[in-house]
Amino acid sequence: MAAIYNSRQRDKARLALARTVYGEARGEGVRGMEAVANVVMNRAGAGGWWGDTVLSVVMKPFQFSVWNPGDPNRALILGKFPYQGDAIFDQAWEIAGDAMALELADITGGATHYHADSILPVWARDQVPVAEIGRHVFYRGIA
């Protein structure tokens, strides 16, 4: 990632990443949440269209459904803060911290995209998955 964070920016980005991880994969266990964090970090590292910071990546419109206007999870995640009684969110917070410290192993094989295994989006039809973790399928190098 090209960006250097001050402590306030880092806290804001970590909270946004934790909320994304929680909203997208809270039912997938630790590995599933780690995989979503990996995708965010892989996108931030690649830069370009997605942005080059954790915050720009997670807030890119229509990239993570939990942030989409009208998504019922959006209201849920906006009320989440660490250490306020939700053990799964606390795990997401820790994962986000590890990811941003570059201390989270990439279990996705460099993936920059994923979807639930219950659907097959148009963009994934001709792509070869690099990982399947929980109920998500992961891809890299999307053409």
Protein backbone atom coordinates (compact mmCIF):
# COMPACT_ATOMS: atom_id res chain seq x y z
CA MET A 1 0.00 0.00 0.00
CA ALA A 2 1.31 3.36 -0.96
CA ALA A 3 -0.43 5.38 1.74
CA ILE A 4 1.08 6.39 5.06
CA TYR A 5 -1.47 6.74 7.85
CA ASN A 6 -1.56 8.99 10.87
CA SER A 7 -3.13 7.39 13.96
CA ARG A 8 -6.59 8.87 13.41
CA GLN A 9 -6.67 7.77 9.76
CA ARG A 10 -5.43 4.33 10.78
CA ASP A 11 -8.19 3.98 13.40
CA LYS A 12 -10.85 5.07 10.90
CA ALA A 13 -9.54 2.66 8.25
CA ARG A 14 -9.29 -0.20 10.77
CA LEU A 15 -12.88 0.36 11.89
CA ALA A 16 -14.08 0.42 8.27
CA LEU A 17 -12.15 -2.77 7.51
CA ALA A 18 -13.46 -4.50 10.64
CA ARG A 19 -17.02 -3.51 9.72
CA THR A 20 -16.51 -4.79 6.18
CA VAL A 21 -15.07 -8.09 7.39
CA TYR A 22 -17.88 -8.49 9.90
CA GLY A 23 -20.63 -7.54 7.47
CA GLU A 24 -19.37 -9.68 4.63
CA ALA A 25 -18.22 -12.79 6.52
CA ARG A 26 -19.36 -12.89 10.15
CA GLY A 27 -20.98 -16.28 9.56
CA GLU A 28 -17.86 -17.74 7.94
CA GLY A 29 -15.64 -18.11 11.00
CA VAL A 30 -12.18 -16.66 11.46
CA ARG A 31 -10.79 -18.02 8.17
CA GLY A 32 -13.68 -16.57 6.20
CA MET A 33 -13.23 -13.18 7.83
CA GLU A 34 -9.48 -13.32 7.24
CA ALA A 35 -10.11 -14.08 3.56
CA VAL A 36 -12.26 -10.96 3.13
CA ALA A 37 -9.54 -8.90 4.82
CA ASN A 38 -7.03 -10.45 2.41
CA VAL A 39 -9.09 -9.29 -0.58
CA VAL A 40 -9.22 -5.75 0.77
CA MET A 41 -5.48 -5.71 1.40
CA ASN A 42 -4.73 -7.22 -2.02
CA ARG A 43 -6.81 -4.51 -3.69
CA ALA A 44 -5.15 -1.76 -1.65
CA GLY A 45 -1.75 -3.16 -2.55
CA ALA A 46 -2.62 -3.25 -6.24
CA GLY A 47 -3.93 0.31 -6.18
CA GLY A 48 -5.42 1.69 -9.37
CA TRP A 49 -9.17 1.69 -9.85
CA TRP A 50 -9.91 0.37 -6.35
CA GLY A 51 -7.81 2.98 -4.59
CA ASP A 52 -4.58 2.56 -2.68
CA THR A 53 -5.78 2.71 0.91
CA VAL A 54 -7.89 0.37 2.99
CA LEU A 55 -10.53 3.06 3.37
CA SER A 56 -10.74 3.88 -0.34
CA VAL A 57 -11.01 0.18 -1.18
CA VAL A 58 -13.80 -0.68 1.26
CA MET A 59 -15.75 2.47 0.45
CA LYS A 60 -15.52 2.07 -3.35
CA PRO A 61 -19.18 2.09 -4.43
CA PHE A 62 -20.76 -1.32 -5.02
CA GLN A 63 -17.64 -3.36 -4.27
CA PHE A 64 -18.63 -4.70 -0.85
CA SER A 65 -22.37 -5.19 -0.59
CA VAL A 66 -22.45 -4.40 3.12
CA TRP A 67 -21.78 -0.73 2.23
CA ASN A 68 -24.42 -0.54 -0.52
CA PRO A 69 -27.27 1.91 0.11
CA GLY A 70 -30.30 -0.07 1.24
CA ASP A 71 -28.37 -3.17 2.27
CA PRO A 72 -29.81 -4.23 5.65
CA ASN A 73 -26.32 -5.05 6.92
CA ARG A 74 -25.19 -1.44 6.48
CA ALA A 75 -27.24 -0.17 9.44
CA LEU A 76 -26.01 -3.12 11.50
CA ILE A 77 -22.31 -2.54 10.86
CA LEU A 78 -22.49 1.21 11.42
CA GLY A 79 -23.41 0.48 15.03
CA LYS A 80 -20.45 -1.84 15.61
CA PHE A 81 -17.46 -0.81 17.70
CA PRO A 82 -14.78 -2.98 19.29
CA TYR A 83 -15.17 -4.42 22.75
CA GLN A 84 -18.83 -3.61 23.23
CA GLY A 85 -20.16 -7.11 23.70
CA ASP A 86 -19.99 -8.71 20.23
CA ALA A 87 -17.23 -11.34 20.25
CA ILE A 88 -17.43 -11.86 16.49
CA PHE A 89 -16.98 -8.14 15.83
CA ASP A 90 -14.04 -8.18 18.25
CA GLN A 91 -12.50 -10.94 16.10
CA ALA A 92 -13.08 -8.81 13.00
CA TRP A 93 -11.38 -5.88 14.77
CA GLU A 94 -8.33 -8.02 15.57
CA ILE A 95 -8.19 -9.39 12.02
CA ALA A 96 -8.37 -5.84 10.66
CA GLY A 97 -5.49 -4.79 12.90
CA ASP A 98 -3.36 -7.75 11.82
CA ALA A 99 -4.16 -7.11 8.16
CA MET A 100 -3.25 -3.44 8.36
CA ALA A 101 -0.01 -4.29 10.19
CA LEU A 102 0.76 -6.68 7.30
CA GLU A 103 0.79 -9.56 9.79
CA LEU A 104 -2.09 -11.52 8.26
CA ALA A 105 -1.13 -14.39 5.97
CA ASP A 106 -2.89 -14.31 2.61
CA ILE A 107 -4.95 -17.49 2.54
CA THR A 108 -6.64 -16.49 -0.73
CA GLY A 109 -3.66 -16.82 -3.06
CA GLY A 110 -3.69 -13.13 -3.93
CA ALA A 111 -7.42 -12.85 -4.60
CA THR A 112 -8.93 -9.49 -5.42
CA HIS A 113 -12.50 -10.71 -5.96
CA TYR A 114 -14.95 -13.08 -4.33
CA HIS A 115 -18.60 -14.01 -4.29
CA ALA A 116 -20.91 -16.24 -2.30
CA ASP A 117 -20.93 -19.81 -3.57
CA SER A 118 -24.71 -19.63 -3.97
CA ILE A 119 -24.42 -17.29 -6.98
CA LEU A 120 -22.31 -16.96 -10.13
CA PRO A 121 -21.90 -13.31 -11.08
CA VAL A 122 -21.37 -12.41 -14.73
CA TRP A 123 -17.79 -11.29 -14.02
CA ALA A 124 -16.90 -14.75 -12.63
CA ARG A 125 -18.30 -16.94 -15.41
CA ASP A 126 -15.03 -17.46 -17.31
CA GLN A 127 -12.71 -17.14 -14.32
CA VAL A 128 -10.80 -19.86 -12.50
CA PRO A 129 -11.12 -19.72 -8.70
CA VAL A 130 -7.92 -19.59 -6.65
CA ALA A 131 -9.57 -20.52 -3.35
CA GLU A 132 -12.83 -21.58 -1.76
CA ILE A 133 -13.10 -20.61 1.88
CA GLY A 134 -16.32 -21.17 3.75
CA ARG A 135 -19.17 -20.22 1.45
CA HIS A 136 -17.08 -17.81 -0.65
CA VAL A 137 -15.21 -18.38 -3.91
CA PHE A 138 -12.08 -16.26 -4.54
CA TYR A 139 -10.41 -15.05 -7.76
CA ARG A 140 -7.43 -13.01 -8.84
CA GLY A 141 -6.46 -11.40 -12.12
CA ILE A 142 -10.01 -10.78 -13.29
CA ALA A 143 -9.96 -9.85 -16.96
